[in-house]
Amino acid sequence: MPTIICGYLWIKQIVIYLICNSSNLGYKKIMEEATLFSLKGLGAGFAKSWPIAIGVFTYGLVFGLLSSQAGLSLFDAIAMCIIVFAGAAQLIAMGIWVTPLPIWTIIFTTFAINLRYILEGAALEPHFRGLKKWQSYLSLFFMNDESWALSLDKFKKGAKDKAFMLG
């Protein structure tokens, strides 16, 4: 399990580094003025995305059932939920969790499933240009499909507070 977690975090950190350190991905410059990153934006993002929590709760129930069937301890299941911030990857890992544990298969499958984050992060890159590195890293680390879709829509409509995505 620690190898899977380290492999996943390593892949996610490479993606975050590449997105945050790209000087230009071919987009026109969107951010001319100062970019905001405030608690108000964080609260607005939370208020907009909390109804999605019902779906996330359902993922949690399914993952709990699958992890129990796969023989994971409560500690292992909780650790995986905290460290692997990707519901699809968790469900796939549980589907191929057998003895002996196919570590490389799980790492490769998780990597393949999460390749979409490269494209999602690249779509946000022009909107994050005015942010400090730690703000970009934090936002991208906790990015998920739902927050990405809501944030991209909001940013394209002219929203300046980029903490919305973290909410």
Foldseek 3Di string as FASTA:
>chain_A
DVLLLVLLVVLLVVLLCCLLPDPDPPDDQDDPDAFAADPVLLVLLCVVCVVCVVVVVVLVVVLVVLCVVLPHDPVRSVVCVVRVLASVLSVVLSVQRDPVGPSVVSSVVSSVVPPVLSVLSNLCSSLCVNPDSVVSSLLSVNADPVLSVVQSVVVVVPDRHNSSSVD
